[in-house]
PDB file of N, CA and C in Angstrom:
ATOM      1  N   UNK A   1      96.682  94.301 101.272  1.00  0.00           N
ATOM      2  CA  UNK A   1      96.705  92.895 101.264  1.00  0.00           C
ATOM      3  C   UNK A   1      97.778  92.099 102.067  1.00  0.00           C
ATOM      4  N   UNK A   2      97.332  91.595 103.641  1.00  0.00           N
ATOM      5  CA  UNK A   2      98.493  90.870 104.211  1.00  0.00           C
ATOM      6  C   UNK A   2      99.046  89.682 103.676  1.00  0.00           C
ATOM      7  N   UNK A   3     100.140  89.273 104.298  1.00  0.00           N
ATOM      8  CA  UNK A   3     100.938  88.163 103.474  1.00  0.00           C
ATOM      9  C   UNK A   3     101.254  87.698 104.841  1.00  0.00           C
ATOM     10  N   UNK A   4     100.772  86.154 104.866  1.00  0.00           N
ATOM     11  CA  UNK A   4     101.270  85.644 105.809  1.00  0.00           C
ATOM     12  C   UNK A   4     102.316  84.436 105.868  1.00  0.00           C
ATOM     13  N   UNK A   5     103.479  84.584 106.664  1.00  0.00           N
ATOM     14  CA  UNK A   5     104.585  83.583 106.561  1.00  0.00           C
ATOM     15  C   UNK A   5     104.834  83.038 107.555  1.00  0.00           C
ATOM     16  N   UNK A   6     105.582  81.847 107.210  1.00  0.00           N
ATOM     17  CA  UNK A   6     105.950  80.863 108.251  1.00  0.00           C
ATOM     18  C   UNK A   6     107.291  80.625 107.949  1.00  0.00           C
ATOM     19  N   UNK A   7     108.191  80.912 109.562  1.00  0.00           N
ATOM     20  CA  UNK A   7     109.642  81.139 108.921  1.00  0.00           C
ATOM     21  C   UNK A   7     110.084  80.058 110.694  1.00  0.00           C
ATOM     22  N   UNK A   8     111.278  79.418 110.124  1.00  0.00           N
ATOM     23  CA  UNK A   8     111.831  78.526 111.018  1.00  0.00           C
ATOM     24  C   UNK A   8     113.142  78.877 111.247  1.00  0.00           C
ATOM     25  N   UNK A   9     113.621  78.923 112.594  1.00  0.00           N
ATOM     26  CA  UNK A   9     115.042  79.391 113.168  1.00  0.00           C
ATOM     27  C   UNK A   9     115.313  78.149 113.860  1.00  0.00           C
ATOM     28  N   UNK A  10     116.744  77.945 113.495  1.00  0.00           N
ATOM     29  CA  UNK A  10     117.353  76.670 114.252  1.00  0.00           C
ATOM     30  C   UNK A  10     118.460  77.387 115.164  1.00  0.00           C
ATOM     31  N   UNK A  11     118.116  77.371 116.381  1.00  0.00           N
ATOM     32  CA  UNK A  11     119.291  77.922 117.009  1.00  0.00           C
ATOM     33  C   UNK A  11     120.806  77.593 116.585  1.00  0.00           C
ATOM     34  N   UNK A  12     121.676  78.301 116.779  1.00  0.00           N
ATOM     35  CA  UNK A  12     123.280  78.271 116.735  1.00  0.00           C
ATOM     36  C   UNK A  12     123.291  77.096 118.405  1.00  0.00           C
ATOM     37  N   UNK A  13     124.573  76.522 118.232  1.00  0.00           N
ATOM     38  CA  UNK A  13     124.966  75.938 119.853  1.00  0.00           C
ATOM     39  C   UNK A  13     125.013  77.411 120.967  1.00  0.00           C
ATOM     40  N   UNK A  14     124.095  76.713 121.992  1.00  0.00           N
ATOM     41  CA  UNK A  14     124.195  77.616 123.102  1.00  0.00           C
ATOM     42  C   UNK A  14     123.491  78.815 123.057  1.00  0.00           C
ATOM     43  N   UNK A  15     122.771  79.024 122.010  1.00  0.00           N
ATOM     44  CA  UNK A  15     122.040  80.422 121.370  1.00  0.00           C
ATOM     45  C   UNK A  15     120.390  80.219 121.771  1.00  0.00           C
ATOM     46  N   UNK A  16     119.992  78.935 121.854  1.00  0.00           N
ATOM     47  CA  UNK A  16     118.574  78.856 122.451  1.00  0.00           C
ATOM     48  C   UNK A  16     118.087  80.130 122.946  1.00  0.00           C
ATOM     49  N   UNK A  17     118.259  80.348 124.082  1.00  0.00           N
ATOM     50  CA  UNK A  17     117.608  81.319 125.188  1.00  0.00           C
ATOM     51  C   UNK A  17     117.779  82.712 124.255  1.00  0.00           C
ATOM     52  N   UNK A  18     118.760  82.904 123.914  1.00  0.00           N
ATOM     53  CA  UNK A  18     118.887  84.101 123.092  1.00  0.00           C
ATOM     54  C   UNK A  18     117.791  84.014 121.956  1.00  0.00           C
ATOM     55  N   UNK A  19     117.698  83.294 121.325  1.00  0.00           N
ATOM     56  CA  UNK A  19     116.794  83.177 120.124  1.00  0.00           C
ATOM     57  C   UNK A  19     115.278  83.290 120.626  1.00  0.00           C
ATOM     58  N   UNK A  20     114.894  82.356 121.881  1.00  0.00           N
ATOM     59  CA  UNK A  20     113.627  82.664 122.231  1.00  0.00           C
ATOM     60  C   UNK A  20     113.428  84.276 122.734  1.00  0.00           C
ATOM     61  N   UNK A  21     114.008  84.631 123.041  1.00  0.00           N
ATOM     62  CA  UNK A  21     114.122  86.226 123.766  1.00  0.00           C
ATOM     63  C   UNK A  21     113.800  87.156 122.404  1.00  0.00           C
ATOM     64  N   UNK A  22     114.344  86.914 121.484  1.00  0.00           N
ATOM     65  CA  UNK A  22     114.631  87.358 119.807  1.00  0.00           C
ATOM     66  C   UNK A  22     113.080  87.266 119.405  1.00  0.00           C
ATOM     67  N   UNK A  23     112.780  86.214 119.279  1.00  0.00           N
ATOM     68  CA  UNK A  23     111.428  85.468 118.723  1.00  0.00           C
ATOM     69  C   UNK A  23     110.281  86.745 119.633  1.00  0.00           C
ATOM     70  N   UNK A  24     110.367  86.328 120.808  1.00  0.00           N
ATOM     71  CA  UNK A  24     109.587  86.899 121.751  1.00  0.00           C
ATOM     72  C   UNK A  24     108.982  88.511 121.292  1.00  0.00           C
ATOM     73  N   UNK A  25     110.457  89.109 121.136  1.00  0.00           N
ATOM     74  CA  UNK A  25     110.532  90.864 120.847  1.00  0.00           C
ATOM     75  C   UNK A  25     110.220  90.709 119.093  1.00  0.00           C
ATOM     76  N   UNK A  26     110.200  89.710 118.595  1.00  0.00           N
ATOM     77  CA  UNK A  26     110.078  90.235 116.798  1.00  0.00           C
ATOM     78  C   UNK A  26     108.901  90.949 116.399  1.00  0.00           C
ATOM     79  N   UNK A  27     107.998  90.557 116.591  1.00  0.00           N
ATOM     80  CA  UNK A  27     106.378  90.782 116.363  1.00  0.00           C
ATOM     81  C   UNK A  27     106.578  92.286 116.770  1.00  0.00           C
ATOM     82  N   UNK A  28     106.729  92.635 118.050  1.00  0.00           N
ATOM     83  CA  UNK A  28     106.600  93.911 118.593  1.00  0.00           C
ATOM     84  C   UNK A  28     107.233  94.871 117.566  1.00  0.00           C
ATOM     85  N   UNK A  29     108.663  94.369 117.629  1.00  0.00           N
ATOM     86  CA  UNK A  29     109.819  95.413 116.892  1.00  0.00           C
ATOM     87  C   UNK A  29     109.204  95.739 115.300  1.00  0.00           C
ATOM     88  N   UNK A  30     109.089  94.740 114.623  1.00  0.00           N
ATOM     89  CA  UNK A  30     108.279  94.739 113.233  1.00  0.00           C
ATOM     90  C   UNK A  30     107.244  95.561 113.649  1.00  0.00           C
ATOM     91  N   UNK A  31     106.343  95.565 113.978  1.00  0.00           N
ATOM     92  CA  UNK A  31     104.778  96.473 114.527  1.00  0.00           C
ATOM     93  C   UNK A  31     105.277  97.892 114.369  1.00  0.00           C
ATOM     94  N   UNK A  32     106.342  97.899 115.453  1.00  0.00           N
ATOM     95  CA  UNK A  32     107.129  99.370 115.839  1.00  0.00           C
ATOM     96  C   UNK A  32     107.265 100.171 114.608  1.00  0.00           C
ATOM     97  N   UNK A  33     108.064  99.535 113.343  1.00  0.00           N
ATOM     98  CA  UNK A  33     108.122  99.871 112.149  1.00  0.00           C
ATOM     99  C   UNK A  33     107.202  99.797 111.430  1.00  0.00           C
ATOM    100  N   UNK A  34     105.710  99.832 111.486  1.00  0.00           N
ATOM    101  CA  UNK A  34     104.772  99.706 110.856  1.00  0.00           C
ATOM    102  C   UNK A  34     104.807  98.545 109.750  1.00  0.00           C
ATOM    103  N   UNK A  35     105.040  97.313 109.798  1.00  0.00           N
ATOM    104  CA  UNK A  35     105.422  96.107 108.761  1.00  0.00           C
ATOM    105  C   UNK A  35     104.603  95.306 108.919  1.00  0.00           C
ATOM    106  N   UNK A  36     103.774  95.011 110.152  1.00  0.00           N
ATOM    107  CA  UNK A  36     102.952  93.819 110.300  1.00  0.00           C
ATOM    108  C   UNK A  36     101.807  94.466 110.774  1.00  0.00           C
ATOM    109  N   UNK A  37     100.695  93.504 110.705  1.00  0.00           N
ATOM    110  CA  UNK A  37      99.523  93.468 111.205  1.00  0.00           C
ATOM    111  C   UNK A  37      99.330  93.225 112.736  1.00  0.00           C
ATOM    112  N   UNK A  38      98.323  93.547 113.281  1.00  0.00           N
ATOM    113  CA  UNK A  38      97.947  93.149 114.464  1.00  0.00           C
ATOM    114  C   UNK A  38      97.689  91.917 114.780  1.00  0.00           C
ATOM    115  N   UNK A  39      97.611  91.181 113.890  1.00  0.00           N
ATOM    116  CA  UNK A  39      97.411  89.943 113.937  1.00  0.00           C
ATOM    117  C   UNK A  39      98.641  89.075 115.047  1.00  0.00           C
ATOM    118  N   UNK A  40      98.094  88.344 115.897  1.00  0.00           N
ATOM    119  CA  UNK A  40      99.046  87.837 117.029  1.00  0.00           C
ATOM    120  C   UNK A  40      99.616  86.645 116.418  1.00  0.00           C
ATOM    121  N   UNK A  41     101.336  87.020 116.423  1.00  0.00           N
ATOM    122  CA  UNK A  41     101.966  85.608 115.669  1.00  0.00           C
ATOM    123  C   UNK A  41     101.691  84.436 116.423  1.00  0.00           C
ATOM    124  N   UNK A  42     101.791  83.303 115.854  1.00  0.00           N
ATOM    125  CA  UNK A  42     101.927  81.991 116.502  1.00  0.00           C
ATOM    126  C   UNK A  42     103.233  81.579 116.591  1.00  0.00           C
ATOM    127  N   UNK A  43     103.802  80.973 117.467  1.00  0.00           N
ATOM    128  CA  UNK A  43     105.162  80.500 118.100  1.00  0.00           C
ATOM    129  C   UNK A  43     105.026  79.320 118.370  1.00  0.00           C
ATOM    130  N   UNK A  44     105.777  78.386 117.963  1.00  0.00           N
ATOM    131  CA  UNK A  44     105.894  76.914 118.478  1.00  0.00           C
ATOM    132  C   UNK A  44     107.245  76.513 118.382  1.00  0.00           C
ATOM    133  N   UNK A  45     107.917  75.435 118.983  1.00  0.00           N
ATOM    134  CA  UNK A  45     108.816  75.168 119.107  1.00  0.00           C
ATOM    135  C   UNK A  45     108.947  73.166 118.867  1.00  0.00           C
ATOM    136  N   UNK A  46     109.853  72.698 117.698  1.00  0.00           N
ATOM    137  CA  UNK A  46     109.882  71.184 117.419  1.00  0.00           C
ATOM    138  C   UNK A  46     110.524  70.927 118.234  1.00  0.00           C
ATOM    139  N   UNK A  47     110.409  69.579 118.068  1.00  0.00           N
ATOM    140  CA  UNK A  47     111.374  68.338 119.277  1.00  0.00           C
ATOM    141  C   UNK A  47     112.932  68.765 119.171  1.00  0.00           C
ATOM    142  N   UNK A  48     113.258  68.896 117.847  1.00  0.00           N
ATOM    143  CA  UNK A  48     115.032  69.189 117.711  1.00  0.00           C
ATOM    144  C   UNK A  48     115.132  70.683 118.107  1.00  0.00           C
ATOM    145  N   UNK A  49     114.066  71.402 118.548  1.00  0.00           N
ATOM    146  CA  UNK A  49     114.841  72.716 119.290  1.00  0.00           C
ATOM    147  C   UNK A  49     114.439  73.891 118.426  1.00  0.00           C
ATOM    148  N   UNK A  50     114.120  73.585 116.925  1.00  0.00           N
ATOM    149  CA  UNK A  50     113.831  74.568 116.079  1.00  0.00           C
ATOM    150  C   UNK A  50     112.653  75.391 116.380  1.00  0.00           C
ATOM    151  N   UNK A  51     112.359  76.941 115.885  1.00  0.00           N
ATOM    152  CA  UNK A  51     111.582  77.748 116.753  1.00  0.00           C
ATOM    153  C   UNK A  51     110.681  77.876 115.623  1.00  0.00           C
ATOM    154  N   UNK A  52     109.394  77.805 115.077  1.00  0.00           N
ATOM    155  CA  UNK A  52     108.377  78.062 114.121  1.00  0.00           C
ATOM    156  C   UNK A  52     107.718  79.157 114.297  1.00  0.00           C
ATOM    157  N   UNK A  53     107.649  80.783 113.370  1.00  0.00           N
ATOM    158  CA  UNK A  53     106.727  81.595 114.101  1.00  0.00           C
ATOM    159  C   UNK A  53     105.850  81.613 112.380  1.00  0.00           C
ATOM    160  N   UNK A  54     104.700  81.726 112.963  1.00  0.00           N
ATOM    161  CA  UNK A  54     103.909  82.532 111.663  1.00  0.00           C
ATOM    162  C   UNK A  54     103.335  83.670 112.142  1.00  0.00           C
ATOM    163  N   UNK A  55     103.294  84.507 111.168  1.00  0.00           N
ATOM    164  CA  UNK A  55     103.285  86.156 111.372  1.00  0.00           C
ATOM    165  C   UNK A  55     102.474  86.582 110.040  1.00  0.00           C
ATOM    166  N   UNK A  56     101.934  87.752 110.317  1.00  0.00           N
ATOM    167  CA  UNK A  56     101.600  88.142 108.940  1.00  0.00           C
ATOM    168  C   UNK A  56     101.949  89.739 108.764  1.00  0.00           C
ATOM    169  N   UNK A  57     102.911  90.020 107.779  1.00  0.00           N
ATOM    170  CA  UNK A  57     103.141  91.067 107.073  1.00  0.00           C
ATOM    171  C   UNK A  57     101.970  91.978 106.606  1.00  0.00           C
ATOM    172  N   UNK A  58     101.968  93.339 106.385  1.00  0.00           N
ATOM    173  CA  UNK A  58     100.778  94.458 106.212  1.00  0.00           C
ATOM    174  C   UNK A  58     100.818  94.185 105.006  1.00  0.00           C
ATOM    175  N   UNK A  59     101.685  93.859 104.087  1.00  0.00           N
ATOM    176  CA  UNK A  59     101.884  93.926 102.364  1.00  0.00           C
ATOM    177  C   UNK A  59     103.228  93.107 101.693  1.00  0.00           C
ATOM    178  N   UNK A  60     102.954  92.911 100.432  1.00  0.00           N
ATOM    179  CA  UNK A  60     104.250  92.352  99.838  1.00  0.00           C
ATOM    180  C   UNK A  60     105.176  93.739  99.866  1.00  0.00           C
ATOM    181  N   UNK A  61     104.557  95.035  99.977  1.00  0.00           N
ATOM    182  CA  UNK A  61     105.028  96.039 100.132  1.00  0.00           C
ATOM    183  C   UNK A  61     106.034  96.491 101.276  1.00  0.00           C
ATOM    184  N   UNK A  62     104.987  95.852 102.434  1.00  0.00           N
ATOM    185  CA  UNK A  62     105.919  95.805 103.815  1.00  0.00           C
ATOM    186  C   UNK A  62     107.161  94.924 103.558  1.00  0.00           C
ATOM    187  N   UNK A  63     107.121  94.296 103.110  1.00  0.00           N
ATOM    188  CA  UNK A  63     108.038  92.977 103.242  1.00  0.00           C
ATOM    189  C   UNK A  63     109.143  94.054 102.588  1.00  0.00           C
ATOM    190  N   UNK A  64     109.147  94.355 101.154  1.00  0.00           N
ATOM    191  CA  UNK A  64     110.094  95.025 100.785  1.00  0.00           C
ATOM    192  C   UNK A  64     110.903  96.228 101.388  1.00  0.00           C
ATOM    193  N   UNK A  65     110.080  97.115 102.298  1.00  0.00           N
ATOM    194  CA  UNK A  65     110.443  97.964 102.788  1.00  0.00           C
ATOM    195  C   UNK A  65     111.052  97.675 104.500  1.00  0.00           C
ATOM    196  N   UNK A  66     110.846  96.450 104.785  1.00  0.00           N
ATOM    197  CA  UNK A  66     111.845  95.894 105.738  1.00  0.00           C
ATOM    198  C   UNK A  66     113.262  95.635 105.182  1.00  0.00           C
ATOM    199  N   UNK A  67     113.584  95.579 104.153  1.00  0.00           N
ATOM    200  CA  UNK A  67     114.944  94.942 103.618  1.00  0.00           C
ATOM    201  C   UNK A  67     115.575  96.436 103.359  1.00  0.00           C
ATOM    202  N   UNK A  68     114.948  97.520 103.515  1.00  0.00           N
ATOM    203  CA  UNK A  68     115.685  98.714 103.465  1.00  0.00           C
ATOM    204  C   UNK A  68     115.694  99.551 104.675  1.00  0.00           C
ATOM    205  N   UNK A  69     114.988  98.895 105.879  1.00  0.00           N
ATOM    206  CA  UNK A  69     114.714  99.646 107.438  1.00  0.00           C
ATOM    207  C   UNK A  69     115.659  99.311 108.329  1.00  0.00           C
ATOM    208  N   UNK A  70     116.453 100.364 108.184  1.00  0.00           N
ATOM    209  CA  UNK A  70     117.841 100.127 109.615  1.00  0.00           C
ATOM    210  C   UNK A  70     117.358  99.042 110.709  1.00  0.00           C
ATOM    211  N   UNK A  71     116.408  99.807 111.369  1.00  0.00           N
ATOM    212  CA  UNK A  71     116.217  98.910 112.541  1.00  0.00           C
ATOM    213  C   UNK A  71     115.900  97.106 112.198  1.00  0.00           C
ATOM    214  N   UNK A  72     115.348  97.070 111.221  1.00  0.00           N
ATOM    215  CA  UNK A  72     114.631  95.800 110.914  1.00  0.00           C
ATOM    216  C   UNK A  72     116.252  95.031 110.351  1.00  0.00           C
ATOM    217  N   UNK A  73     116.859  95.811 109.769  1.00  0.00           N
ATOM    218  CA  UNK A  73     118.438  95.113 109.910  1.00  0.00           C
ATOM    219  C   UNK A  73     119.317  94.796 110.960  1.00  0.00           C
ATOM    220  N   UNK A  74     119.024  95.706 111.600  1.00  0.00           N
ATOM    221  CA  UNK A  74     119.915  95.521 112.955  1.00  0.00           C
ATOM    222  C   UNK A  74     119.268  94.431 113.678  1.00  0.00           C
ATOM    223  N   UNK A  75     118.184  94.211 113.860  1.00  0.00           N
ATOM    224  CA  UNK A  75     117.092  92.908 114.436  1.00  0.00           C
ATOM    225  C   UNK A  75     117.606  91.620 113.672  1.00  0.00           C
ATOM    226  N   UNK A  76     117.973  91.693 112.322  1.00  0.00           N
ATOM    227  CA  UNK A  76     118.218  90.428 111.521  1.00  0.00           C
ATOM    228  C   UNK A  76     119.707  90.538 111.988  1.00  0.00           C
ATOM    229  N   UNK A  77     120.566  91.001 112.051  1.00  0.00           N
ATOM    230  CA  UNK A  77     121.656  90.672 112.597  1.00  0.00           C
ATOM    231  C   UNK A  77     121.919  90.123 114.031  1.00  0.00           C
ATOM    232  N   UNK A  78     121.013  90.413 114.670  1.00  0.00           N
ATOM    233  CA  UNK A  78     120.961  89.976 116.221  1.00  0.00           C
ATOM    234  C   UNK A  78     120.452  88.621 116.103  1.00  0.00           C
ATOM    235  N   UNK A  79     119.597  88.269 114.883  1.00  0.00           N
ATOM    236  CA  UNK A  79     118.933  86.724 114.472  1.00  0.00           C
ATOM    237  C   UNK A  79     120.007  85.973 114.043  1.00  0.00           C
ATOM    238  N   UNK A  80     120.891  86.922 113.171  1.00  0.00           N
ATOM    239  CA  UNK A  80     121.783  85.839 112.806  1.00  0.00           C
ATOM    240  C   UNK A  80     122.861  85.348 113.612  1.00  0.00           C
ATOM    241  N   UNK A  81     123.122  85.896 114.376  1.00  0.00           N
ATOM    242  CA  UNK A  81     124.151  85.739 115.721  1.00  0.00           C
ATOM    243  C   UNK A  81     123.766  84.642 116.595  1.00  0.00           C
ATOM    244  N   UNK A  82     122.437  84.365 116.709  1.00  0.00           N
ATOM    245  CA  UNK A  82     121.571  83.326 117.248  1.00  0.00           C
ATOM    246  C   UNK A  82     121.204  82.012 116.656  1.00  0.00           C
ATOM    247  N   UNK A  83     120.905  82.378 115.360  1.00  0.00           N
ATOM    248  CA  UNK A  83     120.641  81.288 114.274  1.00  0.00           C
ATOM    249  C   UNK A  83     120.702  81.186 113.176  1.00  0.00           C
ATOM    250  N   UNK A  84     119.993  80.342 112.459  1.00  0.00           N
ATOM    251  CA  UNK A  84     120.262  79.801 110.838  1.00  0.00           C
ATOM    252  C   UNK A  84     118.618  79.575 110.656  1.00  0.00           C
ATOM    253  N   UNK A  85     118.472  80.242 109.099  1.00  0.00           N
ATOM    254  CA  UNK A  85     117.052  80.158 109.039  1.00  0.00           C
ATOM    255  C   UNK A  85     117.049  78.677 108.157  1.00  0.00           C
ATOM    256  N   UNK A  86     116.157  77.929 108.449  1.00  0.00           N
ATOM    257  CA  UNK A  86     115.674  76.848 107.602  1.00  0.00           C
ATOM    258  C   UNK A  86     114.627  76.501 107.041  1.00  0.00           C
ATOM    259  N   UNK A  87     114.015  75.857 106.109  1.00  0.00           N
ATOM    260  CA  UNK A  87     112.984  75.499 105.247  1.00  0.00           C
ATOM    261  C   UNK A  87     112.115  75.057 106.506  1.00  0.00           C
ATOM    262  N   UNK A  88     111.050  74.638 107.000  1.00  0.00           N
ATOM    263  CA  UNK A  88     109.876  74.191 107.479  1.00  0.00           C
ATOM    264  C   UNK A  88     110.182  72.891 107.087  1.00  0.00           C
ATOM    265  N   UNK A  89     110.148  72.326 105.960  1.00  0.00           N
ATOM    266  CA  UNK A  89     110.212  71.092 105.577  1.00  0.00           C
ATOM    267  C   UNK A  89     111.541  70.052 106.267  1.00  0.00           C
ATOM    268  N   UNK A  90     112.210  71.382 106.514  1.00  0.00           N
ATOM    269  CA  UNK A  90     113.397  70.199 107.411  1.00  0.00           C
ATOM    270  C   UNK A  90     113.115  70.233 109.161  1.00  0.00           C
ATOM    271  N   UNK A  91     111.938  70.457 109.201  1.00  0.00           N
ATOM    272  CA  UNK A  91     111.637  69.789 110.714  1.00  0.00           C
ATOM    273  C   UNK A  91     111.040  68.751 110.480  1.00  0.00           C
ATOM    274  N   UNK A  92     111.525  67.903 111.151  1.00  0.00           N
ATOM    275  CA  UNK A  92     110.795  66.498 110.987  1.00  0.00           C
ATOM    276  C   UNK A  92     109.564  66.519 111.083  1.00  0.00           C
ATOM    277  N   UNK A  93     108.599  67.188 112.203  1.00  0.00           N
ATOM    278  CA  UNK A  93     107.273  67.097 112.672  1.00  0.00           C
ATOM    279  C   UNK A  93     106.855  67.476 111.136  1.00  0.00           C
ATOM    280  N   UNK A  94     107.000  68.494 110.133  1.00  0.00           N
ATOM    281  CA  UNK A  94     106.227  69.004 109.154  1.00  0.00           C
ATOM    282  C   UNK A  94     105.993  67.944 108.028  1.00  0.00           C
ATOM    283  N   UNK A  95     106.413  66.627 107.979  1.00  0.00           N
ATOM    284  CA  UNK A  95     106.137  65.420 107.185  1.00  0.00           C
ATOM    285  C   UNK A  95     105.202  64.777 107.449  1.00  0.00           C
ATOM    286  N   UNK A  96     104.714  65.088 109.009  1.00  0.00           N
ATOM    287  CA  UNK A  96     103.382  64.686 109.528  1.00  0.00           C
ATOM    288  C   UNK A  96     102.305  64.967 108.816  1.00  0.00           C
ATOM    289  N   UNK A  97     100.761  64.324 108.773  1.00  0.00           N
ATOM    290  CA  UNK A  97      99.811  64.683 108.290  1.00  0.00           C
ATOM    291  C   UNK A  97      99.059  65.783 109.116  1.00  0.00           C
ATOM    292  N   UNK A  98      99.141  65.863 110.634  1.00  0.00           N
ATOM    293  CA  UNK A  98      99.039  66.788 111.816  1.00  0.00           C
ATOM    294  C   UNK A  98     100.491  66.660 112.548  1.00  0.00           C
ATOM    295  N   UNK A  99     101.040  68.040 111.980  1.00  0.00           N
ATOM    296  CA  UNK A  99     102.425  68.286 112.607  1.00  0.00           C
ATOM    297  C   UNK A  99     101.992  68.855 114.079  1.00  0.00           C
ATOM    298  N   UNK A 100     102.634  68.443 115.112  1.00  0.00           N
ATOM    299  CA  UNK A 100     102.479  68.892 116.130  1.00  0.00           C
ATOM    300  C   UNK A 100     103.670  69.414 117.016  1.00  0.00           C
ATOM    301  N   UNK A 101     103.668  70.479 117.406  1.00  0.00           N
ATOM    302  CA  UNK A 101     104.905  71.295 118.023  1.00  0.00           C
ATOM    303  C   UNK A 101     104.501  71.924 119.816  1.00  0.00           C
ATOM    304  N   UNK A 102     105.239  72.021 120.438  1.00  0.00           N
ATOM    305  CA  UNK A 102     104.741  72.790 121.618  1.00  0.00           C
ATOM    306  C   UNK A 102     104.705  74.363 121.471  1.00  0.00           C
ATOM    307  N   UNK A 103     103.323  75.287 122.028  1.00  0.00           N
ATOM    308  CA  UNK A 103     103.383  76.156 121.740  1.00  0.00           C
ATOM    309  C   UNK A 103     104.398  77.534 122.558  1.00  0.00           C
ATOM    310  N   UNK A 104     105.272  78.166 122.176  1.00  0.00           N
ATOM    311  CA  UNK A 104     105.711  79.130 122.722  1.00  0.00           C
ATOM    312  C   UNK A 104     105.003  80.305 123.024  1.00  0.00           C
ATOM    313  N   UNK A 105     105.024  80.953 124.322  1.00  0.00           N
ATOM    314  CA  UNK A 105     104.076  82.046 124.545  1.00  0.00           C
ATOM    315  C   UNK A 105     104.646  83.118 123.958  1.00  0.00           C
ATOM    316  N   UNK A 106     103.847  84.380 122.949  1.00  0.00           N
ATOM    317  CA  UNK A 106     104.599  85.639 122.531  1.00  0.00           C
ATOM    318  C   UNK A 106     104.264  86.474 123.613  1.00  0.00           C
TER     319      UNK A 106
END
């Protein structure tokens, strides 16, 4: 059974464009490894520049396989050079009853 996750990336100084590029390719790269479903991700930007992505892993086992996949590890290193991962709760909009974000086209 699929597992939907929400992840929040905060760009490092001067890395916002690089982060957008990485997020744009993220789902396709995971899909090439057979780790995510066909469900299109939802990608959005908070007022503070954080990018939030909602996507679906194939299964809990696929998440585990990702941690042992060299292509995914290399991709995660690229992300680490461009951003820090933060809890969605750290984005101010998340405290609103109806959280609004700017959509980013994937």
